[in-house]
Amino acid sequence: MSLDKCNTFSQKDLFGGQGEVKIWNLISGRQMPPFSAALWCELEAHGSVGRHRQQRDPEVVLCLSGVGRATIGKHSHPMREGSFLYIPFGASLSLENLGEEILRYVIIKVRQ
């Protein structure tokens, strides 16, 4: 499915962060076990997604482009093209775009 056919929405200051995140729901309205979510995200330059806890499912984040930082629990991880991060159920996550370009990443959540 192409992005232009996905349910798209924007969030400002997500989870107490700063700036806008555009989100494409890649599995909107479809059942795709074991996946509970697949989201293409674009975080504006110097934007952030505030710290939040994984309340339902573990997830992976794959960075597609840009430069940023993910903080999982107390540990900081660089984000750049090809970075792959695992966020376990119950862990906290925050994201920062450290660059002048959009930070593009995909989030995939899997039911336990």
C-alpha atoms as a PDB file:
ATOM      1  CA  MET A   1       0.000   0.000   0.000  1.00  0.00           C
ATOM      2  CA  SER A   2       1.361   3.457  -0.847  1.00  0.00           C
ATOM      3  CA  LEU A   3       1.455   6.276   1.704  1.00  0.00           C
ATOM      4  CA  ASP A   4      -1.087   8.325  -0.263  1.00  0.00           C
ATOM      5  CA  LYS A   5      -3.712   5.624   0.433  1.00  0.00           C
ATOM      6  CA  CYS A   6      -3.077   5.483   4.201  1.00  0.00           C
ATOM      7  CA  ASN A   7      -4.940   7.248   6.978  1.00  0.00           C
ATOM      8  CA  THR A   8      -2.805  10.342   7.701  1.00  0.00           C
ATOM      9  CA  PHE A   9      -2.893  12.686  10.670  1.00  0.00           C
ATOM     10  CA  SER A  10      -0.630  15.161  12.474  1.00  0.00           C
ATOM     11  CA  GLN A  11       0.143  15.614  16.146  1.00  0.00           C
ATOM     12  CA  LYS A  12       1.571  18.769  17.706  1.00  0.00           C
ATOM     13  CA  ASP A  13       3.721  18.527  20.824  1.00  0.00           C
ATOM     14  CA  LEU A  14       3.130  14.768  21.081  1.00  0.00           C
ATOM     15  CA  PHE A  15       3.445  13.443  24.656  1.00  0.00           C
ATOM     16  CA  GLY A  16       4.671  16.868  25.783  1.00  0.00           C
ATOM     17  CA  GLY A  17       7.317  17.133  23.060  1.00  0.00           C
ATOM     18  CA  GLN A  18       7.731  20.032  20.645  1.00  0.00           C
ATOM     19  CA  GLY A  19       6.790  20.481  17.021  1.00  0.00           C
ATOM     20  CA  GLU A  20       4.733  18.481  14.581  1.00  0.00           C
ATOM     21  CA  VAL A  21       4.795  14.781  13.776  1.00  0.00           C
ATOM     22  CA  LYS A  22       3.009  13.600  10.618  1.00  0.00           C
ATOM     23  CA  ILE A  23       1.818  10.012  10.914  1.00  0.00           C
ATOM     24  CA  TRP A  24       0.610   7.549   8.301  1.00  0.00           C
ATOM     25  CA  ASN A  25      -1.254   4.539   9.714  1.00  0.00           C
ATOM     26  CA  LEU A  26      -0.068   1.760   7.406  1.00  0.00           C
ATOM     27  CA  ILE A  27      -2.606  -0.835   8.605  1.00  0.00           C
ATOM     28  CA  SER A  28      -5.568   1.431   9.311  1.00  0.00           C
ATOM     29  CA  GLY A  29      -8.836  -0.477   9.443  1.00  0.00           C
ATOM     30  CA  ARG A  30      -7.233  -3.837   8.628  1.00  0.00           C
ATOM     31  CA  GLN A  31      -6.534  -6.823  10.839  1.00  0.00           C
ATOM     32  CA  MET A  32      -2.912  -7.930  10.411  1.00  0.00           C
ATOM     33  CA  PRO A  33      -2.013 -10.240  13.315  1.00  0.00           C
ATOM     34  CA  PRO A  34       0.329 -10.246  15.107  1.00  0.00           C
ATOM     35  CA  PHE A  35       0.841  -6.528  14.335  1.00  0.00           C
ATOM     36  CA  SER A  36      -1.131  -3.998  16.366  1.00  0.00           C
ATOM     37  CA  ALA A  37       0.354  -0.933  14.631  1.00  0.00           C
ATOM     38  CA  ALA A  38       2.584   0.054  11.733  1.00  0.00           C
ATOM     39  CA  LEU A  39       3.193   3.798  11.511  1.00  0.00           C
ATOM     40  CA  TRP A  40       5.310   5.862   9.104  1.00  0.00           C
ATOM     41  CA  CYS A  41       6.311   9.028  10.988  1.00  0.00           C
ATOM     42  CA  GLU A  42       7.945  12.324  10.047  1.00  0.00           C
ATOM     43  CA  LEU A  43       9.184  14.537  12.889  1.00  0.00           C
ATOM     44  CA  GLU A  44       9.937  18.137  11.921  1.00  0.00           C
ATOM     45  CA  ALA A  45      13.446  19.603  12.241  1.00  0.00           C
ATOM     46  CA  HIS A  46      14.445  20.129  15.893  1.00  0.00           C
ATOM     47  CA  GLY A  47      11.129  18.615  17.020  1.00  0.00           C
ATOM     48  CA  SER A  48      10.667  16.055  19.765  1.00  0.00           C
ATOM     49  CA  VAL A  49       8.266  13.397  20.988  1.00  0.00           C
ATOM     50  CA  GLY A  50       8.018  13.512  24.772  1.00  0.00           C
ATOM     51  CA  ARG A  51       8.717  10.631  27.118  1.00  0.00           C
ATOM     52  CA  HIS A  52       5.919   8.074  27.145  1.00  0.00           C
ATOM     53  CA  ARG A  53       5.552   4.480  28.318  1.00  0.00           C
ATOM     54  CA  GLN A  54       4.801   1.503  26.077  1.00  0.00           C
ATOM     55  CA  GLN A  55       1.478   0.583  27.648  1.00  0.00           C
ATOM     56  CA  ARG A  56       0.227  -2.179  25.402  1.00  0.00           C
ATOM     57  CA  ASP A  57       2.774  -3.771  23.102  1.00  0.00           C
ATOM     58  CA  PRO A  58       6.536  -3.826  22.521  1.00  0.00           C
ATOM     59  CA  GLU A  59       7.693  -2.009  19.400  1.00  0.00           C
ATOM     60  CA  VAL A  60      10.586  -1.568  17.039  1.00  0.00           C
ATOM     61  CA  VAL A  61      11.619   1.715  15.436  1.00  0.00           C
ATOM     62  CA  LEU A  62      13.492   1.795  12.131  1.00  0.00           C
ATOM     63  CA  CYS A  63      15.025   5.139  11.164  1.00  0.00           C
ATOM     64  CA  LEU A  64      14.678   5.829   7.437  1.00  0.00           C
ATOM     65  CA  SER A  65      16.388   9.234   7.198  1.00  0.00           C
ATOM     66  CA  GLY A  66      17.533  12.179   9.264  1.00  0.00           C
ATOM     67  CA  VAL A  67      19.546  12.471  12.460  1.00  0.00           C
ATOM     68  CA  GLY A  68      18.093  12.116  15.919  1.00  0.00           C
ATOM     69  CA  ARG A  69      18.251  10.534  19.330  1.00  0.00           C
ATOM     70  CA  ALA A  70      15.983   8.022  21.040  1.00  0.00           C
ATOM     71  CA  THR A  71      15.997   7.652  24.796  1.00  0.00           C
ATOM     72  CA  ILE A  72      14.754   4.269  25.971  1.00  0.00           C
ATOM     73  CA  GLY A  73      14.539   4.184  29.741  1.00  0.00           C
ATOM     74  CA  LYS A  74      17.757   5.886  30.876  1.00  0.00           C
ATOM     75  CA  HIS A  75      19.786   5.000  27.765  1.00  0.00           C
ATOM     76  CA  SER A  76      20.276   7.296  24.787  1.00  0.00           C
ATOM     77  CA  HIS A  77      20.652   5.853  21.260  1.00  0.00           C
ATOM     78  CA  PRO A  78      21.607   7.679  18.060  1.00  0.00           C
ATOM     79  CA  MET A  79      19.098   7.619  15.221  1.00  0.00           C
ATOM     80  CA  ARG A  80      20.247   7.799  11.625  1.00  0.00           C
ATOM     81  CA  GLU A  81      19.394   5.959   8.435  1.00  0.00           C
ATOM     82  CA  GLY A  82      19.279   2.231   9.184  1.00  0.00           C
ATOM     83  CA  SER A  83      19.122   2.518  12.995  1.00  0.00           C
ATOM     84  CA  PHE A  84      16.923  -0.210  14.486  1.00  0.00           C
ATOM     85  CA  LEU A  85      15.674   0.106  18.060  1.00  0.00           C
ATOM     86  CA  TYR A  86      13.667  -2.248  20.273  1.00  0.00           C
ATOM     87  CA  ILE A  87      11.389  -0.778  22.933  1.00  0.00           C
ATOM     88  CA  PRO A  88      10.070  -3.459  25.311  1.00  0.00           C
ATOM     89  CA  PHE A  89       6.594  -3.444  26.818  1.00  0.00           C
ATOM     90  CA  GLY A  90       6.588  -1.080  29.812  1.00  0.00           C
ATOM     91  CA  ALA A  91       9.715   0.865  28.766  1.00  0.00           C
ATOM     92  CA  SER A  92       9.678   4.636  28.327  1.00  0.00           C
ATOM     93  CA  LEU A  93      10.633   6.287  25.046  1.00  0.00           C
ATOM     94  CA  SER A  94      11.352   9.814  23.859  1.00  0.00           C
ATOM     95  CA  LEU A  95      12.622  10.977  20.462  1.00  0.00           C
ATOM     96  CA  GLU A  96      14.481  14.087  19.312  1.00  0.00           C
ATOM     97  CA  ASN A  97      15.232  15.322  15.818  1.00  0.00           C
ATOM     98  CA  LEU A  98      18.746  16.779  16.069  1.00  0.00           C
ATOM     99  CA  GLY A  99      18.993  17.897  12.446  1.00  0.00           C
ATOM    100  CA  GLU A 100      17.766  20.466   9.972  1.00  0.00           C
ATOM    101  CA  GLU A 101      15.894  17.819   7.944  1.00  0.00           C
ATOM    102  CA  ILE A 102      12.776  15.792   8.716  1.00  0.00           C
ATOM    103  CA  LEU A 103      13.435  12.677  10.825  1.00  0.00           C
ATOM    104  CA  ARG A 104      11.628   9.781   9.114  1.00  0.00           C
ATOM    105  CA  TYR A 105      11.032   6.506  10.937  1.00  0.00           C
ATOM    106  CA  VAL A 106       8.686   3.543  11.025  1.00  0.00           C
ATOM    107  CA  ILE A 107       7.147   2.151  14.213  1.00  0.00           C
ATOM    108  CA  ILE A 108       5.962  -1.457  14.276  1.00  0.00           C
ATOM    109  CA  LYS A 109       4.124  -2.842  17.299  1.00  0.00           C
ATOM    110  CA  VAL A 110       3.546  -6.569  17.834  1.00  0.00           C
ATOM    111  CA  ARG A 111       0.943  -8.083  20.152  1.00  0.00           C
ATOM    112  CA  GLN A 112       2.413 -10.185  22.920  1.00  0.00           C
END
